[in-house]
Protein backbone atom coordinates (compact mmCIF):
# COMPACT_ATOMS: atom_id res chain seq x y z
CA MET A 1 -73.83 -26.92 51.57
CA PHE A 2 -70.95 -24.41 51.93
CA ASN A 3 -72.89 -21.90 54.10
CA GLN A 4 -71.24 -21.41 57.47
CA ARG A 5 -73.26 -21.11 60.58
CA LYS A 6 -73.53 -17.68 62.14
CA PRO A 7 -72.45 -17.29 65.76
CA ARG A 8 -75.30 -17.05 68.28
CA ARG A 9 -76.11 -13.69 69.61
CA PHE A 10 -77.59 -13.25 73.06
CA ASN A 11 -79.53 -10.16 74.16
CA TYR A 12 -77.62 -9.57 77.50
CA LYS A 13 -78.16 -6.33 79.40
CA THR A 14 -76.16 -5.38 82.37
CA ARG A 15 -77.82 -4.55 85.68
CA LEU A 16 -76.20 -1.08 85.71
CA SER A 17 -76.83 1.16 82.80
CA ASP A 18 -73.80 2.55 80.91
CA SER A 19 -74.64 6.10 81.99
CA LYS A 20 -74.52 5.29 85.67
CA LYS A 21 -71.24 3.49 85.11
CA GLU A 22 -69.61 6.45 83.45
CA GLU A 23 -70.93 8.80 86.18
CA SER A 24 -69.68 6.45 88.92
CA ASP A 25 -66.27 6.20 87.31
CA SER A 26 -65.97 9.94 86.97
CA ASP A 27 -67.19 10.44 90.56
CA LEU A 28 -64.68 7.92 91.83
CA LYS A 29 -61.78 9.47 89.97
CA ALA A 30 -62.80 12.93 91.27
CA LYS A 31 -62.97 11.65 94.82
CA TRP A 32 -59.65 9.75 94.43
CA ASP A 33 -57.95 12.95 93.22
CA GLU A 34 -59.36 14.95 96.14
CA MET A 35 -58.34 12.45 98.75
CA ARG A 36 -54.76 11.96 97.25
CA GLY A 37 -54.11 15.71 97.51
CA HIS A 38 -55.09 16.03 101.22
CA THR A 39 -53.52 13.08 102.83
CA HIS A 40 -50.22 13.63 104.74
CA ARG A 41 -48.55 10.85 106.56
CA ARG A 42 -47.34 11.91 109.98
CA LYS A 43 -43.76 10.64 110.34
CA SER A 44 -42.63 9.37 113.61
CA PHE A 45 -39.44 10.82 115.34
CA PHE A 46 -37.96 7.30 115.67
CA THR A 47 -38.48 6.41 112.03
CA SER A 48 -36.79 9.49 110.52
CA MET A 49 -33.63 8.96 108.68
CA PRO A 50 -31.24 10.90 111.04
CA MET A 51 -32.56 9.06 114.01
CA LEU A 52 -32.14 5.64 112.34
CA ILE A 53 -28.49 6.61 111.32
CA ILE A 54 -27.79 7.66 114.96
CA PHE A 55 -29.24 4.37 116.25
CA LEU A 56 -27.07 2.37 113.71
CA VAL A 57 -23.92 4.17 114.79
CA PHE A 58 -24.88 3.45 118.50
CA VAL A 59 -25.27 -0.22 117.82
CA PHE A 60 -21.81 -0.34 116.12
CA VAL A 61 -20.22 1.45 119.12
CA LEU A 62 -21.95 -0.89 121.48
CA ILE A 63 -20.72 -3.94 119.56
CA TYR A 64 -17.12 -2.53 119.55
CA VAL A 65 -17.26 -1.91 123.32
CA LEU A 66 -18.63 -5.24 124.12
CA ASN A 67 -16.19 -6.94 121.76
CA GLY A 68 -13.44 -5.29 123.84
CA TYR A 69 -14.78 -7.03 127.04
CA ILE A 70 -14.72 -10.40 125.38
CA LYS A 71 -11.02 -10.32 124.41
């Protein structure tokens, strides 16, 4: 009368075995570490910080000169 029902248990097996999953995870981690160490982004000359600052100064000078023509 007071016996509780036990939860159902299913025999489910994944398609990939656990050993293959562990191997693939370690292989993926090793490949990621290798790729991360060898990639270098090539910076463009126009997106470098000094060039952007020079461009910003040029824009302010141009606004100042054109504002002088308006008045």
